């Protein structure tokens, strides 16, 4: 991958973001053009970073922050399928690289890996008509809010009713999102490099028989709101949201467009899980 132009994305609300941007810019040769969105105005050297309305024409985009910054940047590069490199700033971060110098160096030398990460396409409609359309790299969450949070749901993978139950909601995630909210709610961990699947994780279901389910990425899942509270919401990657109500149906399928995620050449998902989550370990002392 020949790099001539790099886009910069950043969480502008991070306390040390100015210093982080300056450090990363210093790692990139002056021969490479740098592009930033208008939100970086005042945080970057205008002679080194050109502000623009999009990342069009960039060979890669570097996102500075945590996984939330990467999720937001993934929407900005989705249409043009620009590879995305995340660099972490003091967060747990499953999507971001820990060592900026190593990651930038491998990117410039063409030694990095580019992984194709699956996205979800979500449509929201009522009475057969589609009113909203979104895509997600991590997950879509249908949940109750306010005082009365319980939602009456009916889930249908492939058109067959899997279950009808009361719950605080349901998380529908990609393998990339399997280590995020879904994991905290008891969902399984799935390797996003080797598998494509859709994970259905109920939120506090009022039934002992309702458990997380993994279905093929080729299947289409629909979730019908049989009865919802006064405030029932649909959240996309924890960053976009809309209200939904009784009679509405959410349809989720694999998106035609994924996210090209740049990682270092020694990336190993299971090693990442072991270190980030402190997986396992023998409790008995010898």
C-alpha atoms as a PDB file:
ATOM      1  CA  UNK A   1       0.000   0.000   0.000  1.00  0.00           C
ATOM      2  CA  UNK A   2       1.679   3.196  -1.211  1.00  0.00           C
ATOM      3  CA  UNK A   3       1.014   6.092   1.165  1.00  0.00           C
ATOM      4  CA  UNK A   4       0.894   9.592  -0.294  1.00  0.00           C
ATOM      5  CA  UNK A   5      -1.939  11.190   1.686  1.00  0.00           C
ATOM      6  CA  UNK A   6      -3.060  10.454   5.267  1.00  0.00           C
ATOM      7  CA  UNK A   7      -6.195  11.684   7.001  1.00  0.00           C
ATOM      8  CA  UNK A   8      -6.249  12.524  10.711  1.00  0.00           C
ATOM      9  CA  UNK A   9      -9.256  11.911  12.972  1.00  0.00           C
ATOM     10  CA  UNK A  10      -9.221  12.670  16.672  1.00  0.00           C
ATOM     11  CA  UNK A  11     -11.310  12.901  19.797  1.00  0.00           C
ATOM     12  CA  UNK A  12     -11.000  16.680  20.193  1.00  0.00           C
ATOM     13  CA  UNK A  13     -12.321  16.474  23.770  1.00  0.00           C
ATOM     14  CA  UNK A  14      -9.394  14.395  25.048  1.00  0.00           C
ATOM     15  CA  UNK A  15      -7.286  16.422  27.476  1.00  0.00           C
ATOM     16  CA  UNK A  16      -3.932  15.685  25.817  1.00  0.00           C
ATOM     17  CA  UNK A  17      -5.146  15.481  22.215  1.00  0.00           C
ATOM     18  CA  UNK A  18      -3.084  18.436  20.982  1.00  0.00           C
ATOM     19  CA  UNK A  19       0.125  16.781  22.155  1.00  0.00           C
ATOM     20  CA  UNK A  20      -0.954  13.427  20.698  1.00  0.00           C
ATOM     21  CA  UNK A  21      -1.643  14.977  17.301  1.00  0.00           C
ATOM     22  CA  UNK A  22       1.690  16.798  17.350  1.00  0.00           C
ATOM     23  CA  UNK A  23       3.541  13.581  18.213  1.00  0.00           C
ATOM     24  CA  UNK A  24       1.864  11.585  15.428  1.00  0.00           C
ATOM     25  CA  UNK A  25       2.392  14.349  12.864  1.00  0.00           C
ATOM     26  CA  UNK A  26       6.071  14.323  13.831  1.00  0.00           C
ATOM     27  CA  UNK A  27       6.268  10.626  12.906  1.00  0.00           C
ATOM     28  CA  UNK A  28       5.059  11.264   9.354  1.00  0.00           C
ATOM     29  CA  UNK A  29       7.504  12.603   6.719  1.00  0.00           C
ATOM     30  CA  UNK A  30       6.808  16.029   5.192  1.00  0.00           C
ATOM     31  CA  UNK A  31       6.542  14.352   1.773  1.00  0.00           C
ATOM     32  CA  UNK A  32       3.190  12.861   2.826  1.00  0.00           C
ATOM     33  CA  UNK A  33       0.172  15.176   2.689  1.00  0.00           C
ATOM     34  CA  UNK A  34      -1.935  15.339   5.858  1.00  0.00           C
ATOM     35  CA  UNK A  35      -5.683  16.031   5.836  1.00  0.00           C
ATOM     36  CA  UNK A  36      -7.876  16.883   8.816  1.00  0.00           C
ATOM     37  CA  UNK A  37     -11.551  17.706   9.156  1.00  0.00           C
ATOM     38  CA  UNK A  38     -12.676  21.159  10.261  1.00  0.00           C
ATOM     39  CA  UNK A  39     -13.079  19.951  13.854  1.00  0.00           C
ATOM     40  CA  UNK A  40      -9.265  19.921  14.145  1.00  0.00           C
ATOM     41  CA  UNK A  41      -9.081  23.657  13.519  1.00  0.00           C
ATOM     42  CA  UNK A  42      -6.959  25.217  16.239  1.00  0.00           C
ATOM     43  CA  UNK A  43      -5.396  21.882  17.193  1.00  0.00           C
ATOM     44  CA  UNK A  44      -3.061  21.427  14.232  1.00  0.00           C
ATOM     45  CA  UNK A  45      -0.402  23.378  12.374  1.00  0.00           C
ATOM     46  CA  UNK A  46      -2.221  24.789   9.353  1.00  0.00           C
ATOM     47  CA  UNK A  47       0.973  24.679   7.293  1.00  0.00           C
ATOM     48  CA  UNK A  48       1.344  20.923   7.878  1.00  0.00           C
ATOM     49  CA  UNK A  49      -2.252  19.690   8.078  1.00  0.00           C
ATOM     50  CA  UNK A  50      -4.726  20.871   5.457  1.00  0.00           C
ATOM     51  CA  UNK A  51      -8.315  21.129   6.687  1.00  0.00           C
ATOM     52  CA  UNK A  52     -11.001  19.692   4.393  1.00  0.00           C
ATOM     53  CA  UNK A  53     -14.618  18.566   4.421  1.00  0.00           C
ATOM     54  CA  UNK A  54     -13.856  14.876   3.916  1.00  0.00           C
ATOM     55  CA  UNK A  55     -11.079  12.298   3.659  1.00  0.00           C
ATOM     56  CA  UNK A  56     -11.582  11.839  -0.089  1.00  0.00           C
ATOM     57  CA  UNK A  57      -8.386  10.758  -1.805  1.00  0.00           C
ATOM     58  CA  UNK A  58      -6.613   9.643   1.376  1.00  0.00           C
ATOM     59  CA  UNK A  59      -4.695   6.365   1.282  1.00  0.00           C
ATOM     60  CA  UNK A  60      -5.307   5.824   5.004  1.00  0.00           C
ATOM     61  CA  UNK A  61      -6.887   7.581   7.973  1.00  0.00           C
ATOM     62  CA  UNK A  62      -5.268   7.600  11.413  1.00  0.00           C
ATOM     63  CA  UNK A  63      -7.726   7.918  14.320  1.00  0.00           C
ATOM     64  CA  UNK A  64      -6.356   9.206  17.639  1.00  0.00           C
ATOM     65  CA  UNK A  65      -8.299   8.329  20.771  1.00  0.00           C
ATOM     66  CA  UNK A  66     -10.105   5.205  21.895  1.00  0.00           C
ATOM     67  CA  UNK A  67     -12.419   2.724  20.231  1.00  0.00           C
ATOM     68  CA  UNK A  68     -15.192   5.345  20.165  1.00  0.00           C
ATOM     69  CA  UNK A  69     -13.053   7.600  17.974  1.00  0.00           C
ATOM     70  CA  UNK A  70     -12.375   4.682  15.632  1.00  0.00           C
ATOM     71  CA  UNK A  71     -16.083   3.828  15.407  1.00  0.00           C
ATOM     72  CA  UNK A  72     -16.884   7.420  14.461  1.00  0.00           C
ATOM     73  CA  UNK A  73     -14.053   7.560  11.928  1.00  0.00           C
ATOM     74  CA  UNK A  74     -15.202   4.242  10.419  1.00  0.00           C
ATOM     75  CA  UNK A  75     -18.442   5.925   9.321  1.00  0.00           C
ATOM     76  CA  UNK A  76     -16.472   8.764   7.711  1.00  0.00           C
ATOM     77  CA  UNK A  77     -14.377   6.344   5.604  1.00  0.00           C
ATOM     78  CA  UNK A  78     -17.096   3.763   4.916  1.00  0.00           C
ATOM     79  CA  UNK A  79     -18.238   5.027   1.515  1.00  0.00           C
ATOM     80  CA  UNK A  80     -14.765   5.250  -0.002  1.00  0.00           C
ATOM     81  CA  UNK A  81     -13.478   2.198   1.903  1.00  0.00           C
ATOM     82  CA  UNK A  82     -10.356   3.990   3.145  1.00  0.00           C
ATOM     83  CA  UNK A  83      -8.202   1.839   5.472  1.00  0.00           C
ATOM     84  CA  UNK A  84      -8.319   3.004   9.099  1.00  0.00           C
ATOM     85  CA  UNK A  85      -5.547   2.869  11.714  1.00  0.00           C
ATOM     86  CA  UNK A  86      -6.459   3.507  15.346  1.00  0.00           C
ATOM     87  CA  UNK A  87      -3.955   4.760  17.920  1.00  0.00           C
ATOM     88  CA  UNK A  88      -4.894   4.450  21.578  1.00  0.00           C
ATOM     89  CA  UNK A  89      -4.865   7.141  24.272  1.00  0.00           C
ATOM     90  CA  UNK A  90      -5.088   5.639  27.785  1.00  0.00           C
ATOM     91  CA  UNK A  91      -8.127   3.422  27.148  1.00  0.00           C
ATOM     92  CA  UNK A  92      -8.825  -0.317  27.084  1.00  0.00           C
ATOM     93  CA  UNK A  93      -9.188  -0.279  23.301  1.00  0.00           C
ATOM     94  CA  UNK A  94      -9.575  -3.476  21.279  1.00  0.00           C
ATOM     95  CA  UNK A  95      -9.426  -1.623  17.945  1.00  0.00           C
ATOM     96  CA  UNK A  96      -6.526   0.748  18.571  1.00  0.00           C
ATOM     97  CA  UNK A  97      -2.797   0.062  18.494  1.00  0.00           C
ATOM     98  CA  UNK A  98      -0.803   0.717  21.689  1.00  0.00           C
ATOM     99  CA  UNK A  99       2.475   1.846  20.086  1.00  0.00           C
ATOM    100  CA  UNK A 100       2.080   4.836  17.706  1.00  0.00           C
ATOM    101  CA  UNK A 101       5.692   4.781  16.530  1.00  0.00           C
ATOM    102  CA  UNK A 102       5.573   1.110  15.613  1.00  0.00           C
ATOM    103  CA  UNK A 103       2.154   1.370  13.940  1.00  0.00           C
ATOM    104  CA  UNK A 104       3.000   4.471  11.880  1.00  0.00           C
ATOM    105  CA  UNK A 105       6.367   2.993  10.912  1.00  0.00           C
ATOM    106  CA  UNK A 106       4.791  -0.230   9.634  1.00  0.00           C
ATOM    107  CA  UNK A 107       2.113   1.740   7.790  1.00  0.00           C
ATOM    108  CA  UNK A 108       4.705   3.844   5.954  1.00  0.00           C
ATOM    109  CA  UNK A 109       6.864   0.821   5.131  1.00  0.00           C
ATOM    110  CA  UNK A 110       3.907  -1.224   3.907  1.00  0.00           C
ATOM    111  CA  UNK A 111       4.433  -3.890   6.588  1.00  0.00           C
ATOM    112  CA  UNK A 112       1.056  -3.532   8.341  1.00  0.00           C
ATOM    113  CA  UNK A 113      -1.969  -5.784   7.955  1.00  0.00           C
ATOM    114  CA  UNK A 114      -5.305  -4.625   6.543  1.00  0.00           C
ATOM    115  CA  UNK A 115      -8.218  -6.615   7.960  1.00  0.00           C
ATOM    116  CA  UNK A 116     -11.692  -6.629   6.434  1.00  0.00           C
ATOM    117  CA  UNK A 117     -14.068  -6.175   9.370  1.00  0.00           C
ATOM    118  CA  UNK A 118     -17.761  -6.923   8.868  1.00  0.00           C
ATOM    119  CA  UNK A 119     -20.355  -4.171   9.416  1.00  0.00           C
ATOM    120  CA  UNK A 120     -24.081  -4.469  10.053  1.00  0.00           C
ATOM    121  CA  UNK A 121     -26.764  -2.748   8.012  1.00  0.00           C
ATOM    122  CA  UNK A 122     -29.749  -1.746  10.134  1.00  0.00           C
ATOM    123  CA  UNK A 123     -33.100  -0.621   8.807  1.00  0.00           C
ATOM    124  CA  UNK A 124     -35.900   0.643  10.996  1.00  0.00           C
ATOM    125  CA  UNK A 125     -39.449   0.767   9.763  1.00  0.00           C
ATOM    126  CA  UNK A 126     -43.125   0.576  10.564  1.00  0.00           C
ATOM    127  CA  UNK A 127     -45.885  -1.017   8.510  1.00  0.00           C
ATOM    128  CA  UNK A 128     -43.468  -2.323   5.893  1.00  0.00           C
ATOM    129  CA  UNK A 129     -41.909   1.059   5.057  1.00  0.00           C
ATOM    130  CA  UNK A 130     -38.277   1.889   5.899  1.00  0.00           C
ATOM    131  CA  UNK A 131     -37.832   5.131   7.827  1.00  0.00           C
ATOM    132  CA  UNK A 132     -34.172   4.951   8.885  1.00  0.00           C
ATOM    133  CA  UNK A 133     -31.028   3.187   7.656  1.00  0.00           C
ATOM    134  CA  UNK A 134     -27.715   2.854   9.519  1.00  0.00           C
ATOM    135  CA  UNK A 135     -24.537   0.781   9.539  1.00  0.00           C
ATOM    136  CA  UNK A 136     -22.497  -0.329  12.549  1.00  0.00           C
ATOM    137  CA  UNK A 137     -19.015  -1.738  13.108  1.00  0.00           C
ATOM    138  CA  UNK A 138     -19.670  -2.828  16.694  1.00  0.00           C
ATOM    139  CA  UNK A 139     -23.350  -3.201  17.458  1.00  0.00           C
ATOM    140  CA  UNK A 140     -26.916  -1.998  17.407  1.00  0.00           C
ATOM    141  CA  UNK A 141     -28.782  -1.931  20.726  1.00  0.00           C
ATOM    142  CA  UNK A 142     -32.533  -1.841  21.125  1.00  0.00           C
ATOM    143  CA  UNK A 143     -33.269  -0.816  24.701  1.00  0.00           C
ATOM    144  CA  UNK A 144     -35.785   0.738  27.016  1.00  0.00           C
ATOM    145  CA  UNK A 145     -35.065   4.029  28.764  1.00  0.00           C
ATOM    146  CA  UNK A 146     -36.544   6.089  31.532  1.00  0.00           C
ATOM    147  CA  UNK A 147     -38.537   4.649  34.441  1.00  0.00           C
ATOM    148  CA  UNK A 148     -40.323   1.866  32.521  1.00  0.00           C
ATOM    149  CA  UNK A 149     -37.513   0.092  30.666  1.00  0.00           C
ATOM    150  CA  UNK A 150     -38.986  -3.327  29.921  1.00  0.00           C
ATOM    151  CA  UNK A 151     -39.588  -4.050  26.235  1.00  0.00           C
ATOM    152  CA  UNK A 152     -41.654  -6.878  24.716  1.00  0.00           C
ATOM    153  CA  UNK A 153     -39.588  -8.260  21.808  1.00  0.00           C
ATOM    154  CA  UNK A 154     -39.959 -10.878  19.106  1.00  0.00           C
ATOM    155  CA  UNK A 155     -36.749 -12.006  17.344  1.00  0.00           C
ATOM    156  CA  UNK A 156     -36.870 -13.682  13.929  1.00  0.00           C
ATOM    157  CA  UNK A 157     -33.668 -14.942  12.267  1.00  0.00           C
ATOM    158  CA  UNK A 158     -34.407 -16.006   8.698  1.00  0.00           C
ATOM    159  CA  UNK A 159     -38.112 -15.270   9.154  1.00  0.00           C
ATOM    160  CA  UNK A 160     -38.598 -17.912  11.866  1.00  0.00           C
ATOM    161  CA  UNK A 161     -39.604 -16.775  15.345  1.00  0.00           C
ATOM    162  CA  UNK A 162     -36.730 -17.657  17.669  1.00  0.00           C
ATOM    163  CA  UNK A 163     -38.181 -16.140  20.792  1.00  0.00           C
ATOM    164  CA  UNK A 164     -40.695 -13.708  22.220  1.00  0.00           C
ATOM    165  CA  UNK A 165     -39.771 -12.296  25.581  1.00  0.00           C
ATOM    166  CA  UNK A 166     -39.653  -9.343  27.962  1.00  0.00           C
ATOM    167  CA  UNK A 167     -36.251  -7.758  28.488  1.00  0.00           C
ATOM    168  CA  UNK A 168     -34.442  -4.474  29.001  1.00  0.00           C
ATOM    169  CA  UNK A 169     -33.537  -4.826  25.345  1.00  0.00           C
ATOM    170  CA  UNK A 170     -31.263  -6.744  22.970  1.00  0.00           C
ATOM    171  CA  UNK A 171     -27.737  -6.235  21.601  1.00  0.00           C
ATOM    172  CA  UNK A 172     -27.042  -7.305  18.023  1.00  0.00           C
ATOM    173  CA  UNK A 173     -23.325  -7.261  17.347  1.00  0.00           C
ATOM    174  CA  UNK A 174     -20.607  -8.134  14.879  1.00  0.00           C
ATOM    175  CA  UNK A 175     -17.567 -10.230  15.869  1.00  0.00           C
ATOM    176  CA  UNK A 176     -15.710  -6.904  16.260  1.00  0.00           C
ATOM    177  CA  UNK A 177     -18.378  -5.847  18.761  1.00  0.00           C
ATOM    178  CA  UNK A 178     -18.275  -9.180  20.583  1.00  0.00           C
ATOM    179  CA  UNK A 179     -15.663  -7.774  23.007  1.00  0.00           C
ATOM    180  CA  UNK A 180     -17.703  -4.642  23.720  1.00  0.00           C
ATOM    181  CA  UNK A 181     -21.218  -4.229  25.206  1.00  0.00           C
ATOM    182  CA  UNK A 182     -22.275  -7.723  24.133  1.00  0.00           C
ATOM    183  CA  UNK A 183     -19.463  -9.266  26.190  1.00  0.00           C
ATOM    184  CA  UNK A 184     -20.461  -7.241  29.258  1.00  0.00           C
ATOM    185  CA  UNK A 185     -24.015  -8.591  28.869  1.00  0.00           C
ATOM    186  CA  UNK A 186     -22.841 -12.208  28.756  1.00  0.00           C
ATOM    187  CA  UNK A 187     -22.371 -12.663  25.015  1.00  0.00           C
ATOM    188  CA  UNK A 188     -19.677 -14.870  23.458  1.00  0.00           C
ATOM    189  CA  UNK A 189     -16.295 -13.719  22.148  1.00  0.00           C
ATOM    190  CA  UNK A 190     -15.824 -14.285  18.400  1.00  0.00           C
ATOM    191  CA  UNK A 191     -12.605 -13.782  16.441  1.00  0.00           C
ATOM    192  CA  UNK A 192     -13.398 -10.941  13.989  1.00  0.00           C
ATOM    193  CA  UNK A 193     -10.481 -11.866  11.719  1.00  0.00           C
ATOM    194  CA  UNK A 194     -11.481 -15.472  11.037  1.00  0.00           C
ATOM    195  CA  UNK A 195     -15.276 -15.417  11.426  1.00  0.00           C
ATOM    196  CA  UNK A 196     -18.272 -13.446  10.222  1.00  0.00           C
ATOM    197  CA  UNK A 197     -21.424 -13.821  12.290  1.00  0.00           C
ATOM    198  CA  UNK A 198     -24.255 -11.930  13.958  1.00  0.00           C
ATOM    199  CA  UNK A 199     -24.560 -12.198  17.745  1.00  0.00           C
ATOM    200  CA  UNK A 200     -27.918 -11.753  19.469  1.00  0.00           C
ATOM    201  CA  UNK A 201     -27.485 -10.969  23.174  1.00  0.00           C
ATOM    202  CA  UNK A 202     -30.607 -10.273  25.284  1.00  0.00           C
ATOM    203  CA  UNK A 203     -30.355  -7.582  27.960  1.00  0.00           C
ATOM    204  CA  UNK A 204     -31.656  -8.840  31.325  1.00  0.00           C
ATOM    205  CA  UNK A 205     -34.394 -11.098  29.848  1.00  0.00           C
ATOM    206  CA  UNK A 206     -37.251 -12.031  32.153  1.00  0.00           C
ATOM    207  CA  UNK A 207     -36.772 -15.703  31.340  1.00  0.00           C
ATOM    208  CA  UNK A 208     -34.144 -18.297  32.256  1.00  0.00           C
ATOM    209  CA  UNK A 209     -34.480 -19.923  28.823  1.00  0.00           C
ATOM    210  CA  UNK A 210     -33.404 -16.875  26.802  1.00  0.00           C
ATOM    211  CA  UNK A 211     -29.684 -16.921  26.065  1.00  0.00           C
ATOM    212  CA  UNK A 212     -27.273 -15.339  23.539  1.00  0.00           C
ATOM    213  CA  UNK A 213     -27.428 -16.855  20.052  1.00  0.00           C
ATOM    214  CA  UNK A 214     -24.938 -16.685  17.169  1.00  0.00           C
ATOM    215  CA  UNK A 215     -26.292 -16.815  13.606  1.00  0.00           C
ATOM    216  CA  UNK A 216     -24.618 -16.777  10.210  1.00  0.00           C
ATOM    217  CA  UNK A 217     -23.710 -13.457   8.629  1.00  0.00           C
ATOM    218  CA  UNK A 218     -25.700 -14.583   5.571  1.00  0.00           C
ATOM    219  CA  UNK A 219     -28.936 -14.597   7.573  1.00  0.00           C
ATOM    220  CA  UNK A 220     -31.283 -11.642   8.046  1.00  0.00           C
ATOM    221  CA  UNK A 221     -32.553 -10.899  11.552  1.00  0.00           C
ATOM    222  CA  UNK A 222     -35.687  -8.963  12.351  1.00  0.00           C
ATOM    223  CA  UNK A 223     -36.671  -7.719  15.796  1.00  0.00           C
ATOM    224  CA  UNK A 224     -40.269  -6.639  16.300  1.00  0.00           C
ATOM    225  CA  UNK A 225     -41.336  -4.353  19.124  1.00  0.00           C
ATOM    226  CA  UNK A 226     -44.522  -6.028  20.338  1.00  0.00           C
ATOM    227  CA  UNK A 227     -44.849  -3.570  23.181  1.00  0.00           C
ATOM    228  CA  UNK A 228     -42.422  -0.845  24.289  1.00  0.00           C
ATOM    229  CA  UNK A 229     -42.124   1.654  27.084  1.00  0.00           C
ATOM    230  CA  UNK A 230     -42.648   5.364  26.636  1.00  0.00           C
ATOM    231  CA  UNK A 231     -38.970   5.729  25.771  1.00  0.00           C
ATOM    232  CA  UNK A 232     -37.650   2.884  23.654  1.00  0.00           C
ATOM    233  CA  UNK A 233     -34.448   3.638  21.759  1.00  0.00           C
ATOM    234  CA  UNK A 234     -32.277   2.236  19.003  1.00  0.00           C
ATOM    235  CA  UNK A 235     -28.554   2.974  19.499  1.00  0.00           C
ATOM    236  CA  UNK A 236     -25.957   2.472  16.752  1.00  0.00           C
ATOM    237  CA  UNK A 237     -22.351   1.940  17.913  1.00  0.00           C
ATOM    238  CA  UNK A 238     -23.285   3.972  20.991  1.00  0.00           C
ATOM    239  CA  UNK A 239     -23.103   7.159  18.908  1.00  0.00           C
ATOM    240  CA  UNK A 240     -26.305   7.445  16.861  1.00  0.00           C
ATOM    241  CA  UNK A 241     -29.813   6.982  18.213  1.00  0.00           C
ATOM    242  CA  UNK A 242     -33.481   7.214  17.306  1.00  0.00           C
ATOM    243  CA  UNK A 243     -36.764   6.541  19.070  1.00  0.00           C
ATOM    244  CA  UNK A 244     -38.849   3.460  18.228  1.00  0.00           C
ATOM    245  CA  UNK A 245     -42.224   2.209  19.334  1.00  0.00           C
ATOM    246  CA  UNK A 246     -44.698  -0.663  19.404  1.00  0.00           C
ATOM    247  CA  UNK A 247     -45.285  -2.159  15.967  1.00  0.00           C
ATOM    248  CA  UNK A 248     -41.862  -1.073  14.661  1.00  0.00           C
ATOM    249  CA  UNK A 249     -39.485  -3.647  13.203  1.00  0.00           C
ATOM    250  CA  UNK A 250     -35.688  -3.539  13.131  1.00  0.00           C
ATOM    251  CA  UNK A 251     -34.014  -5.519  10.356  1.00  0.00           C
ATOM    252  CA  UNK A 252     -30.322  -6.378  10.640  1.00  0.00           C
ATOM    253  CA  UNK A 253     -28.084  -7.966   7.992  1.00  0.00           C
ATOM    254  CA  UNK A 254     -24.460  -7.972   6.922  1.00  0.00           C
ATOM    255  CA  UNK A 255     -23.621  -4.701   5.196  1.00  0.00           C
ATOM    256  CA  UNK A 256     -22.266  -4.724   1.650  1.00  0.00           C
ATOM    257  CA  UNK A 257     -19.473  -2.455   2.910  1.00  0.00           C
ATOM    258  CA  UNK A 258     -17.091  -3.405   5.675  1.00  0.00           C
ATOM    259  CA  UNK A 259     -14.344  -1.522   7.480  1.00  0.00           C
ATOM    260  CA  UNK A 260     -10.705  -1.934   6.443  1.00  0.00           C
ATOM    261  CA  UNK A 261      -8.875  -1.916   9.768  1.00  0.00           C
ATOM    262  CA  UNK A 262      -5.104  -1.465   9.792  1.00  0.00           C
ATOM    263  CA  UNK A 263      -3.176  -3.391  12.454  1.00  0.00           C
ATOM    264  CA  UNK A 264       0.476  -4.105  13.153  1.00  0.00           C
ATOM    265  CA  UNK A 265       1.971  -7.168  11.486  1.00  0.00           C
ATOM    266  CA  UNK A 266       2.154  -9.134  14.756  1.00  0.00           C
ATOM    267  CA  UNK A 267      -1.576  -8.742  15.507  1.00  0.00           C
ATOM    268  CA  UNK A 268      -3.029 -11.779  17.304  1.00  0.00           C
ATOM    269  CA  UNK A 269      -6.653 -11.611  18.468  1.00  0.00           C
ATOM    270  CA  UNK A 270      -6.343 -14.294  21.147  1.00  0.00           C
ATOM    271  CA  UNK A 271      -3.230 -12.677  22.594  1.00  0.00           C
ATOM    272  CA  UNK A 272      -5.159  -9.402  22.650  1.00  0.00           C
ATOM    273  CA  UNK A 273      -8.073 -10.990  24.525  1.00  0.00           C
ATOM    274  CA  UNK A 274      -5.681 -12.602  27.004  1.00  0.00           C
ATOM    275  CA  UNK A 275      -3.905  -9.323  27.775  1.00  0.00           C
ATOM    276  CA  UNK A 276      -6.786  -6.851  27.619  1.00  0.00           C
ATOM    277  CA  UNK A 277      -9.262  -8.967  29.579  1.00  0.00           C
ATOM    278  CA  UNK A 278      -6.669 -10.745  31.737  1.00  0.00           C
ATOM    279  CA  UNK A 279      -8.206 -13.981  30.542  1.00  0.00           C
ATOM    280  CA  UNK A 280      -7.970 -17.080  32.703  1.00  0.00           C
ATOM    281  CA  UNK A 281      -5.129 -17.683  35.087  1.00  0.00           C
ATOM    282  CA  UNK A 282      -4.634 -20.356  37.714  1.00  0.00           C
ATOM    283  CA  UNK A 283      -6.036 -19.238  41.067  1.00  0.00           C
ATOM    284  CA  UNK A 284      -4.476 -22.087  43.074  1.00  0.00           C
ATOM    285  CA  UNK A 285      -1.061 -21.419  44.592  1.00  0.00           C
ATOM    286  CA  UNK A 286       1.541 -24.165  44.473  1.00  0.00           C
END
